[in-house]
Amino acid sequence: MKVYLAADHGGYELKKFLIEKLKKLNYQTIDGGAFKYDPDDDYPDVIKETIAQVAKNEKNRGILCCRSGIGISIMANRHPKIRAALCFNQEMAQKARQHNNANILCLGGDYIKSEEILKMVKIFLTTKFLGGRHQRRLNKINRLCL
């Protein structure tokens, strides 16, 4: 599994923190930007390549960071092969994987402490999709929306 990370200026420090921690846990991380703090960075520009990379392989995972997580989740979910989940606690991160087969975790750094975020990320990266009735629901989404 490759873990692609990207952030706008609001999530820049959080992204750097997560890359450092995930490398220590032996995850293969790919930094999709932003590569410096710049308030003029717009999240659609910065995260688009990360979204595309995650969509290329179902084993890949993505983590997008900004201040609220809202804009990045809206943008990511516009791609037909992305199931991005904006999560604020460990249980949400677990359910995002188990029930929705989410492949991108969206984080709002202004609302979650870094210790909680790292726990959420670990859960997101290790939790398996349950399939079954949850796959049936995803199939319906695909039929209705794609």
Protein backbone atom coordinates (compact mmCIF):
# COMPACT_ATOMS: atom_id res chain seq x y z
CA MET A 1 0.00 0.00 0.00
CA LYS A 2 1.15 3.48 -0.85
CA VAL A 3 -0.07 6.37 1.29
CA TYR A 4 -0.44 9.63 -0.63
CA LEU A 5 -0.66 12.80 1.44
CA ALA A 6 -1.49 16.34 0.40
CA ALA A 7 -2.53 19.55 2.10
CA ASP A 8 -3.17 23.18 1.46
CA HIS A 9 -1.49 25.84 3.59
CA GLY A 10 -3.95 25.19 6.42
CA GLY A 11 -2.97 21.53 6.69
CA TYR A 12 0.68 21.90 5.74
CA GLU A 13 2.12 21.34 9.24
CA LEU A 14 -0.23 18.43 9.94
CA LYS A 15 0.78 16.74 6.68
CA LYS A 16 4.48 17.11 7.55
CA PHE A 17 3.80 15.62 11.01
CA LEU A 18 1.94 12.64 9.53
CA ILE A 19 4.58 11.90 6.91
CA GLU A 20 7.27 11.85 9.59
CA LYS A 21 5.24 9.53 11.84
CA LEU A 22 4.14 7.19 9.04
CA LYS A 23 7.70 6.80 7.75
CA LYS A 24 8.74 5.70 11.23
CA LEU A 25 5.96 3.09 11.05
CA ASN A 26 7.41 1.86 7.71
CA TYR A 27 4.61 3.11 5.47
CA GLN A 28 5.54 4.12 1.94
CA THR A 29 4.47 7.77 1.86
CA ILE A 30 4.24 10.05 -1.14
CA ASP A 31 4.08 13.78 -0.48
CA GLY A 32 1.77 15.43 -3.00
CA GLY A 33 2.28 18.97 -1.69
CA ALA A 34 2.02 21.67 -0.69
CA PHE A 35 5.76 21.75 -0.25
CA LYS A 36 5.92 25.02 1.66
CA TYR A 37 3.54 27.16 3.65
CA ASP A 38 1.86 29.55 1.23
CA PRO A 39 -1.51 31.13 2.09
CA ASP A 40 -2.17 31.56 -1.63
CA ASP A 41 -2.20 27.78 -2.20
CA ASP A 42 -5.68 26.66 -3.19
CA TYR A 43 -6.59 23.14 -2.12
CA PRO A 44 -8.14 22.09 -5.48
CA ASP A 45 -4.80 22.73 -7.20
CA VAL A 46 -2.70 21.09 -4.50
CA ILE A 47 -4.71 17.91 -3.92
CA LYS A 48 -5.80 16.99 -7.46
CA GLU A 49 -2.75 14.84 -8.27
CA THR A 50 -2.97 12.98 -4.96
CA ILE A 51 -6.63 12.18 -5.67
CA ALA A 52 -5.68 10.87 -9.13
CA GLN A 53 -2.91 8.67 -7.71
CA VAL A 54 -5.17 7.10 -5.08
CA ALA A 55 -7.80 6.41 -7.75
CA LYS A 56 -5.28 4.48 -9.90
CA ASN A 57 -4.95 1.54 -7.51
CA GLU A 58 -7.51 0.25 -5.02
CA LYS A 59 -4.74 -0.70 -2.59
CA ASN A 60 -3.57 2.91 -2.30
CA ARG A 61 -4.79 5.21 0.45
CA GLY A 62 -4.81 8.97 0.69
CA ILE A 63 -4.79 11.50 3.49
CA LEU A 64 -5.81 15.08 2.78
CA CYS A 65 -5.35 17.84 5.35
CA CYS A 66 -6.68 21.36 5.69
CA ARG A 67 -8.17 23.45 8.47
CA SER A 68 -11.75 22.10 8.37
CA GLY A 69 -11.56 19.11 6.01
CA ILE A 70 -14.75 20.18 4.25
CA GLY A 71 -13.45 21.57 0.97
CA ILE A 72 -10.95 18.78 0.45
CA SER A 73 -13.61 16.12 1.04
CA ILE A 74 -15.97 17.80 -1.45
CA MET A 75 -13.22 17.98 -4.06
CA ALA A 76 -12.02 14.41 -3.52
CA ASN A 77 -15.51 12.95 -3.76
CA ARG A 78 -16.01 14.48 -7.20
CA HIS A 79 -13.75 11.73 -8.59
CA PRO A 80 -15.76 8.57 -9.41
CA LYS A 81 -13.19 6.19 -7.91
CA ILE A 82 -12.75 8.07 -4.64
CA ARG A 83 -14.60 7.52 -1.41
CA ALA A 84 -13.29 10.27 0.84
CA ALA A 85 -14.37 10.42 4.46
CA LEU A 86 -14.12 13.49 6.67
CA CYS A 87 -13.48 12.03 10.12
CA PHE A 88 -13.12 13.59 13.55
CA ASN A 89 -12.53 10.58 15.79
CA GLN A 90 -11.25 7.01 15.77
CA GLU A 91 -14.68 5.39 15.46
CA MET A 92 -15.48 7.44 12.36
CA ALA A 93 -12.15 6.43 10.78
CA GLN A 94 -12.89 2.77 11.51
CA LYS A 95 -16.44 2.95 10.11
CA ALA A 96 -15.21 4.82 7.05
CA ARG A 97 -13.10 1.78 6.16
CA GLN A 98 -15.37 -1.01 7.42
CA HIS A 99 -18.67 0.27 6.02
CA ASN A 100 -17.73 2.61 3.17
CA ASN A 101 -14.41 1.25 1.92
CA ALA A 102 -13.11 4.83 2.07
CA ASN A 103 -9.80 5.26 0.29
CA ILE A 104 -9.09 8.84 1.37
CA LEU A 105 -9.16 10.19 4.91
CA CYS A 106 -9.88 13.91 5.15
CA LEU A 107 -8.70 15.70 8.25
CA GLY A 108 -9.56 19.09 9.64
CA GLY A 109 -6.52 20.00 11.67
CA ASP A 110 -8.25 22.84 13.51
CA TYR A 111 -10.66 20.42 15.17
CA ILE A 112 -8.57 17.41 16.19
CA LYS A 113 -5.50 17.09 18.38
CA SER A 114 -2.42 15.61 16.69
CA GLU A 115 -2.34 12.63 19.09
CA GLU A 116 -5.92 11.73 18.12
CA ILE A 117 -5.16 12.25 14.43
CA LEU A 118 -2.28 9.77 14.49
CA LYS A 119 -4.52 7.15 16.14
CA MET A 120 -7.20 7.80 13.52
CA VAL A 121 -4.71 7.46 10.68
CA LYS A 122 -3.39 4.15 12.03
CA ILE A 123 -6.94 2.81 12.28
CA PHE A 124 -7.78 4.05 8.79
CA LEU A 125 -4.72 2.37 7.28
CA THR A 126 -5.19 -0.99 9.03
CA THR A 127 -8.96 -1.52 9.07
CA LYS A 128 -10.41 -3.85 6.45
CA PHE A 129 -13.61 -3.30 4.46
CA LEU A 130 -16.36 -5.66 5.65
CA GLY A 131 -18.03 -6.12 2.26
CA GLY A 132 -21.40 -7.90 2.32
CA ARG A 133 -24.31 -5.52 2.77
CA HIS A 134 -21.86 -2.61 2.71
CA GLN A 135 -20.67 -3.61 -0.78
CA ARG A 136 -24.30 -3.82 -1.90
CA ARG A 137 -24.77 -0.21 -0.77
CA LEU A 138 -21.62 0.96 -2.55
CA ASN A 139 -22.84 -0.79 -5.70
CA LYS A 140 -26.08 1.18 -5.45
CA ILE A 141 -24.17 4.43 -5.08
CA ASN A 142 -22.16 3.57 -8.19
CA ARG A 143 -25.29 2.74 -10.19
CA LEU A 144 -27.13 5.87 -9.09
CA CYS A 145 -24.31 8.39 -9.23
CA LEU A 146 -21.81 7.36 -11.88
